[in-house]
Amino acid sequence: IAYGAGDMWTNMFQPFWAIPLLGITR
């Protein structure tokens, strides 16, 4: 859980997983 908290935390800087959202929202 502690490791997972770090992984999800820096998603707000790392844009990789934003790609589908960016495609939908243009």
PDB file of all heavy atoms in Angstrom:
ATOM      1  N   ILE A   1       0.834  -1.203   0.000  1.00  0.00           N
ATOM      2  CA  ILE A   1       0.000   0.000   0.000  1.00  0.00           C
ATOM      3  C   ILE A   1       0.869   1.252   0.000  1.00  0.00           C
ATOM      4  O   ILE A   1       0.594   2.229  -0.714  1.00  0.00           O
ATOM      5  CB  ILE A   1      -0.942  -0.007   1.208  1.00  0.00           C
ATOM      6  CG1 ILE A   1      -2.003  -1.089   1.029  1.00  0.00           C
ATOM      7  CG2 ILE A   1      -1.626   1.353   1.391  1.00  0.00           C
ATOM      8  CD1 ILE A   1      -2.821  -0.953  -0.239  1.00  0.00           C
ATOM      9  N   ALA A   2       1.945   1.264   0.797  1.00  0.00           N
ATOM     10  CA  ALA A   2       2.824   2.427   0.853  1.00  0.00           C
ATOM     11  C   ALA A   2       3.475   2.671  -0.502  1.00  0.00           C
ATOM     12  O   ALA A   2       3.523   3.816  -0.985  1.00  0.00           O
ATOM     13  CB  ALA A   2       3.890   2.227   1.930  1.00  0.00           C
ATOM     14  N   TYR A   3       3.978   1.605  -1.122  1.00  0.00           N
ATOM     15  CA  TYR A   3       4.534   1.737  -2.469  1.00  0.00           C
ATOM     16  C   TYR A   3       3.479   2.244  -3.451  1.00  0.00           C
ATOM     17  O   TYR A   3       3.724   3.142  -4.258  1.00  0.00           O
ATOM     18  CB  TYR A   3       5.089   0.390  -2.947  1.00  0.00           C
ATOM     19  CG  TYR A   3       5.007   0.250  -4.435  1.00  0.00           C
ATOM     20  CD1 TYR A   3       5.950   0.852  -5.253  1.00  0.00           C
ATOM     21  CD2 TYR A   3       3.945  -0.428  -5.023  1.00  0.00           C
ATOM     22  CE1 TYR A   3       5.843   0.759  -6.624  1.00  0.00           C
ATOM     23  CE2 TYR A   3       3.833  -0.526  -6.383  1.00  0.00           C
ATOM     24  CZ  TYR A   3       4.791   0.075  -7.191  1.00  0.00           C
ATOM     25  OH  TYR A   3       4.650   0.001  -8.548  1.00  0.00           O
ATOM     26  N   GLY A   4       2.256   1.666  -3.384  1.00  0.00           N
ATOM     27  CA  GLY A   4       1.181   2.067  -4.282  1.00  0.00           C
ATOM     28  C   GLY A   4       0.818   3.529  -4.123  1.00  0.00           C
ATOM     29  O   GLY A   4       0.472   4.210  -5.098  1.00  0.00           O
ATOM     30  N   ALA A   5       0.877   4.037  -2.897  1.00  0.00           N
ATOM     31  CA  ALA A   5       0.589   5.453  -2.662  1.00  0.00           C
ATOM     32  C   ALA A   5       1.582   6.335  -3.413  1.00  0.00           C
ATOM     33  O   ALA A   5       1.222   7.382  -3.962  1.00  0.00           O
ATOM     34  CB  ALA A   5       0.627   5.758  -1.164  1.00  0.00           C
ATOM     35  N   GLY A   6       2.850   5.917  -3.456  1.00  0.00           N
ATOM     36  CA  GLY A   6       3.841   6.677  -4.209  1.00  0.00           C
ATOM     37  C   GLY A   6       3.610   6.602  -5.703  1.00  0.00           C
ATOM     38  O   GLY A   6       3.720   7.600  -6.420  1.00  0.00           O
ATOM     39  N   ASP A   7       3.275   5.405  -6.176  1.00  0.00           N
ATOM     40  CA  ASP A   7       3.019   5.219  -7.594  1.00  0.00           C
ATOM     41  C   ASP A   7       1.879   6.117  -8.081  1.00  0.00           C
ATOM     42  O   ASP A   7       1.993   6.786  -9.102  1.00  0.00           O
ATOM     43  CB  ASP A   7       2.688   3.752  -7.856  1.00  0.00           C
ATOM     44  CG  ASP A   7       2.128   3.525  -9.243  1.00  0.00           C
ATOM     45  OD1 ASP A   7       2.892   3.607 -10.207  1.00  0.00           O
ATOM     46  OD2 ASP A   7       0.901   3.285  -9.356  1.00  0.00           O
ATOM     47  N   MET A   8       0.784   6.149  -7.331  1.00  0.00           N
ATOM     48  CA  MET A   8      -0.367   6.959  -7.781  1.00  0.00           C
ATOM     49  C   MET A   8      -0.115   8.448  -7.570  1.00  0.00           C
ATOM     50  O   MET A   8      -0.635   9.283  -8.307  1.00  0.00           O
ATOM     51  CB  MET A   8      -1.641   6.512  -7.061  1.00  0.00           C
ATOM     52  CG  MET A   8      -1.689   6.808  -5.580  1.00  0.00           C
ATOM     53  SD  MET A   8      -3.137   6.059  -4.776  1.00  0.00           S
ATOM     54  CE  MET A   8      -3.074   6.847  -3.160  1.00  0.00           C
ATOM     55  N   TRP A   9       0.680   8.799  -6.560  1.00  0.00           N
ATOM     56  CA  TRP A   9       0.933  10.205  -6.231  1.00  0.00           C
ATOM     57  C   TRP A   9       1.583  10.948  -7.397  1.00  0.00           C
ATOM     58  O   TRP A   9       1.134  12.020  -7.796  1.00  0.00           O
ATOM     59  CB  TRP A   9       1.810  10.240  -4.985  1.00  0.00           C
ATOM     60  CG  TRP A   9       2.315  11.581  -4.561  1.00  0.00           C
ATOM     61  CD1 TRP A   9       1.586  12.704  -4.322  1.00  0.00           C
ATOM     62  CD2 TRP A   9       3.679  11.929  -4.308  1.00  0.00           C
ATOM     63  NE1 TRP A   9       2.409  13.741  -3.936  1.00  0.00           N
ATOM     64  CE2 TRP A   9       3.703  13.279  -3.915  1.00  0.00           C
ATOM     65  CE3 TRP A   9       4.880  11.212  -4.364  1.00  0.00           C
ATOM     66  CZ2 TRP A   9       4.887  13.935  -3.586  1.00  0.00           C
ATOM     67  CZ3 TRP A   9       6.054  11.869  -4.037  1.00  0.00           C
ATOM     68  CH2 TRP A   9       6.049  13.218  -3.655  1.00  0.00           C
ATOM     69  N   THR A  10       2.647  10.385  -7.991  1.00  0.00           N
ATOM     70  CA  THR A  10       3.341  11.094  -9.065  1.00  0.00           C
ATOM     71  C   THR A  10       2.682  10.919 -10.431  1.00  0.00           C
ATOM     72  O   THR A  10       3.192  11.424 -11.433  1.00  0.00           O
ATOM     73  CB  THR A  10       4.819  10.669  -9.134  1.00  0.00           C
ATOM     74  OG1 THR A  10       4.914   9.240  -9.141  1.00  0.00           O
ATOM     75  CG2 THR A  10       5.596  11.225  -7.958  1.00  0.00           C
ATOM     76  N   ASN A  11       1.548  10.217 -10.493  1.00  0.00           N
ATOM     77  CA  ASN A  11       0.751  10.258 -11.722  1.00  0.00           C
ATOM     78  C   ASN A  11       0.335  11.691 -12.053  1.00  0.00           C
ATOM     79  O   ASN A  11       0.061  12.009 -13.211  1.00  0.00           O
ATOM     80  CB  ASN A  11      -0.503   9.402 -11.583  1.00  0.00           C
ATOM     81  CG  ASN A  11      -0.239   7.942 -11.850  1.00  0.00           C
ATOM     82  OD1 ASN A  11       0.754   7.572 -12.476  1.00  0.00           O
ATOM     83  ND2 ASN A  11      -1.118   7.082 -11.367  1.00  0.00           N
ATOM     84  N   MET A  12       0.279  12.540 -11.036  1.00  0.00           N
ATOM     85  CA  MET A  12      -0.108  13.930 -11.269  1.00  0.00           C
ATOM     86  C   MET A  12       0.997  14.722 -11.962  1.00  0.00           C
ATOM     87  O   MET A  12       0.769  15.843 -12.417  1.00  0.00           O
ATOM     88  CB  MET A  12      -0.478  14.602  -9.948  1.00  0.00           C
ATOM     89  CG  MET A  12      -1.702  14.004  -9.249  1.00  0.00           C
ATOM     90  SD  MET A  12      -3.263  14.156 -10.184  1.00  0.00           S
ATOM     91  CE  MET A  12      -3.370  12.541 -10.994  1.00  0.00           C
ATOM     92  N   PHE A  13       2.180  14.134 -12.075  1.00  0.00           N
ATOM     93  CA  PHE A  13       3.278  14.735 -12.841  1.00  0.00           C
ATOM     94  C   PHE A  13       3.554  13.959 -14.117  1.00  0.00           C
ATOM     95  O   PHE A  13       3.886  14.545 -15.149  1.00  0.00           O
ATOM     96  CB  PHE A  13       4.544  14.786 -11.974  1.00  0.00           C
ATOM     97  CG  PHE A  13       5.774  15.202 -12.728  1.00  0.00           C
ATOM     98  CD1 PHE A  13       5.942  16.520 -13.145  1.00  0.00           C
ATOM     99  CD2 PHE A  13       6.777  14.286 -13.013  1.00  0.00           C
ATOM    100  CE1 PHE A  13       7.071  16.901 -13.846  1.00  0.00           C
ATOM    101  CE2 PHE A  13       7.905  14.662 -13.718  1.00  0.00           C
ATOM    102  CZ  PHE A  13       8.060  15.977 -14.132  1.00  0.00           C
ATOM    103  N   GLN A  14       3.445  12.649 -14.061  1.00  0.00           N
ATOM    104  CA  GLN A  14       3.734  11.769 -15.190  1.00  0.00           C
ATOM    105  C   GLN A  14       2.473  11.655 -16.061  1.00  0.00           C
ATOM    106  O   GLN A  14       1.451  11.153 -15.615  1.00  0.00           O
ATOM    107  CB  GLN A  14       4.170  10.408 -14.652  1.00  0.00           C
ATOM    108  CG  GLN A  14       4.134   9.246 -15.609  1.00  0.00           C
ATOM    109  CD  GLN A  14       5.011   9.446 -16.819  1.00  0.00           C
ATOM    110  OE1 GLN A  14       4.509   9.830 -17.868  1.00  0.00           O
ATOM    111  NE2 GLN A  14       6.303   9.194 -16.692  1.00  0.00           N
ATOM    112  N   PRO A  15       2.526  12.120 -17.340  1.00  0.00           N
ATOM    113  CA  PRO A  15       1.294  12.211 -18.151  1.00  0.00           C
ATOM    114  C   PRO A  15       0.915  10.946 -18.895  1.00  0.00           C
ATOM    115  O   PRO A  15      -0.045  10.958 -19.667  1.00  0.00           O
ATOM    116  CB  PRO A  15       1.643  13.322 -19.144  1.00  0.00           C
ATOM    117  CG  PRO A  15       3.119  13.155 -19.365  1.00  0.00           C
ATOM    118  CD  PRO A  15       3.682  12.717 -18.023  1.00  0.00           C
ATOM    119  N   PHE A  16       1.637   9.840 -18.682  1.00  0.00           N
ATOM    120  CA  PHE A  16       1.398   8.653 -19.503  1.00  0.00           C
ATOM    121  C   PHE A  16      -0.053   8.197 -19.465  1.00  0.00           C
ATOM    122  O   PHE A  16      -0.682   7.962 -20.490  1.00  0.00           O
ATOM    123  CB  PHE A  16       2.323   7.520 -19.048  1.00  0.00           C
ATOM    124  CG  PHE A  16       2.099   6.231 -19.790  1.00  0.00           C
ATOM    125  CD1 PHE A  16       2.515   6.093 -21.099  1.00  0.00           C
ATOM    126  CD2 PHE A  16       1.460   5.156 -19.188  1.00  0.00           C
ATOM    127  CE1 PHE A  16       2.311   4.906 -21.796  1.00  0.00           C
ATOM    128  CE2 PHE A  16       1.253   3.971 -19.872  1.00  0.00           C
ATOM    129  CZ  PHE A  16       1.680   3.839 -21.178  1.00  0.00           C
ATOM    130  N   TRP A  17      -0.610   8.053 -18.244  1.00  0.00           N
ATOM    131  CA  TRP A  17      -1.958   7.515 -18.137  1.00  0.00           C
ATOM    132  C   TRP A  17      -3.033   8.539 -18.469  1.00  0.00           C
ATOM    133  O   TRP A  17      -4.222   8.211 -18.495  1.00  0.00           O
ATOM    134  CB  TRP A  17      -2.188   6.933 -16.743  1.00  0.00           C
ATOM    135  CG  TRP A  17      -1.356   5.716 -16.514  1.00  0.00           C
ATOM    136  CD1 TRP A  17      -0.300   5.575 -15.663  1.00  0.00           C
ATOM    137  CD2 TRP A  17      -1.482   4.457 -17.182  1.00  0.00           C
ATOM    138  NE1 TRP A  17       0.236   4.318 -15.761  1.00  0.00           N
ATOM    139  CE2 TRP A  17      -0.468   3.611 -16.681  1.00  0.00           C
ATOM    140  CE3 TRP A  17      -2.350   3.972 -18.159  1.00  0.00           C
ATOM    141  CZ2 TRP A  17      -0.297   2.298 -17.125  1.00  0.00           C
ATOM    142  CZ3 TRP A  17      -2.189   2.661 -18.599  1.00  0.00           C
ATOM    143  CH2 TRP A  17      -1.176   1.844 -18.084  1.00  0.00           C
ATOM    144  N   ALA A  18      -2.615   9.779 -18.742  1.00  0.00           N
ATOM    145  CA  ALA A  18      -3.589  10.786 -19.166  1.00  0.00           C
ATOM    146  C   ALA A  18      -3.925  10.666 -20.645  1.00  0.00           C
ATOM    147  O   ALA A  18      -4.850  11.332 -21.118  1.00  0.00           O
ATOM    148  CB  ALA A  18      -3.060  12.191 -18.871  1.00  0.00           C
ATOM    149  N   ILE A  19      -3.194   9.829 -21.376  1.00  0.00           N
ATOM    150  CA  ILE A  19      -3.365   9.766 -22.832  1.00  0.00           C
ATOM    151  C   ILE A  19      -4.813   9.474 -23.241  1.00  0.00           C
ATOM    152  O   ILE A  19      -5.363  10.174 -24.107  1.00  0.00           O
ATOM    153  CB  ILE A  19      -2.395   8.730 -23.436  1.00  0.00           C
ATOM    154  CG1 ILE A  19      -0.947   9.203 -23.268  1.00  0.00           C
ATOM    155  CG2 ILE A  19      -2.690   8.501 -24.914  1.00  0.00           C
ATOM    156  CD1 ILE A  19       0.086   8.145 -23.604  1.00  0.00           C
ATOM    157  N   PRO A  20      -5.478   8.459 -22.667  1.00  0.00           N
ATOM    158  CA  PRO A  20      -6.886   8.239 -23.067  1.00  0.00           C
ATOM    159  C   PRO A  20      -7.774   9.439 -22.743  1.00  0.00           C
ATOM    160  O   PRO A  20      -8.641   9.812 -23.543  1.00  0.00           O
ATOM    161  CB  PRO A  20      -7.287   7.011 -22.244  1.00  0.00           C
ATOM    162  CG  PRO A  20      -6.008   6.335 -21.895  1.00  0.00           C
ATOM    163  CD  PRO A  20      -5.016   7.432 -21.713  1.00  0.00           C
ATOM    164  N   LEU A  21      -7.583  10.046 -21.571  1.00  0.00           N
ATOM    165  CA  LEU A  21      -8.379  11.217 -21.202  1.00  0.00           C
ATOM    166  C   LEU A  21      -8.139  12.360 -22.179  1.00  0.00           C
ATOM    167  O   LEU A  21      -9.085  13.050 -22.595  1.00  0.00           O
ATOM    168  CB  LEU A  21      -8.040  11.644 -19.776  1.00  0.00           C
ATOM    169  CG  LEU A  21      -8.713  12.919 -19.259  1.00  0.00           C
ATOM    170  CD1 LEU A  21      -9.151  12.760 -17.802  1.00  0.00           C
ATOM    171  CD2 LEU A  21      -7.770  14.123 -19.365  1.00  0.00           C
ATOM    172  N   LEU A  22      -6.895  12.568 -22.570  1.00  0.00           N
ATOM    173  CA  LEU A  22      -6.584  13.652 -23.492  1.00  0.00           C
ATOM    174  C   LEU A  22      -7.246  13.421 -24.847  1.00  0.00           C
ATOM    175  O   LEU A  22      -7.704  14.362 -25.493  1.00  0.00           O
ATOM    176  CB  LEU A  22      -5.064  13.781 -23.654  1.00  0.00           C
ATOM    177  CG  LEU A  22      -4.281  14.117 -22.379  1.00  0.00           C
ATOM    178  CD1 LEU A  22      -2.779  14.057 -22.641  1.00  0.00           C
ATOM    179  CD2 LEU A  22      -4.672  15.486 -21.855  1.00  0.00           C
ATOM    180  N   GLY A  23      -7.289  12.148 -25.263  1.00  0.00           N
ATOM    181  CA  GLY A  23      -7.949  11.854 -26.533  1.00  0.00           C
ATOM    182  C   GLY A  23      -9.444  12.126 -26.486  1.00  0.00           C
ATOM    183  O   GLY A  23     -10.016  12.679 -27.432  1.00  0.00           O
ATOM    184  N   ILE A  24     -10.089  11.769 -25.399  1.00  0.00           N
ATOM    185  CA  ILE A  24     -11.530  11.978 -25.269  1.00  0.00           C
ATOM    186  C   ILE A  24     -11.870  13.459 -25.150  1.00  0.00           C
ATOM    187  O   ILE A  24     -12.830  13.940 -25.755  1.00  0.00           O
ATOM    188  CB  ILE A  24     -12.065  11.208 -24.046  1.00  0.00           C
ATOM    189  CG1 ILE A  24     -11.971   9.705 -24.292  1.00  0.00           C
ATOM    190  CG2 ILE A  24     -13.515  11.597 -23.733  1.00  0.00           C
ATOM    191  CD1 ILE A  24     -12.234   8.865 -23.058  1.00  0.00           C
ATOM    192  N   THR A  25     -11.072  14.190 -24.378  1.00  0.00           N
ATOM    193  CA  THR A  25     -11.379  15.601 -24.105  1.00  0.00           C
ATOM    194  C   THR A  25     -10.797  16.541 -25.142  1.00  0.00           C
ATOM    195  O   THR A  25     -11.105  17.733 -25.134  1.00  0.00           O
ATOM    196  CB  THR A  25     -10.844  16.007 -22.718  1.00  0.00           C
ATOM    197  OG1 THR A  25      -9.425  15.819 -22.677  1.00  0.00           O
ATOM    198  CG2 THR A  25     -11.504  15.181 -21.627  1.00  0.00           C
ATOM    199  N   ARG A  26      -9.945  16.015 -26.038  1.00  0.00           N
ATOM    200  CA  ARG A  26      -9.275  16.815 -27.078  1.00  0.00           C
ATOM    201  C   ARG A  26      -8.312  17.849 -26.482  1.00  0.00           C
ATOM    202  O   ARG A  26      -8.150  18.936 -27.034  1.00  0.00           O
ATOM    203  CB  ARG A  26     -10.293  17.510 -27.985  1.00  0.00           C
ATOM    204  CG  ARG A  26     -11.299  16.604 -28.655  1.00  0.00           C
ATOM    205  CD  ARG A  26     -10.608  15.622 -29.615  1.00  0.00           C
ATOM    206  NE  ARG A  26     -11.574  14.973 -30.462  1.00  0.00           N
ATOM    207  CZ  ARG A  26     -12.173  13.819 -30.180  1.00  0.00           C
ATOM    208  NH1 ARG A  26     -11.894  13.196 -29.050  1.00  0.00           N
ATOM    209  NH2 ARG A  26     -13.032  13.284 -31.024  1.00  0.00           N
TER     210      ARG A  26
END
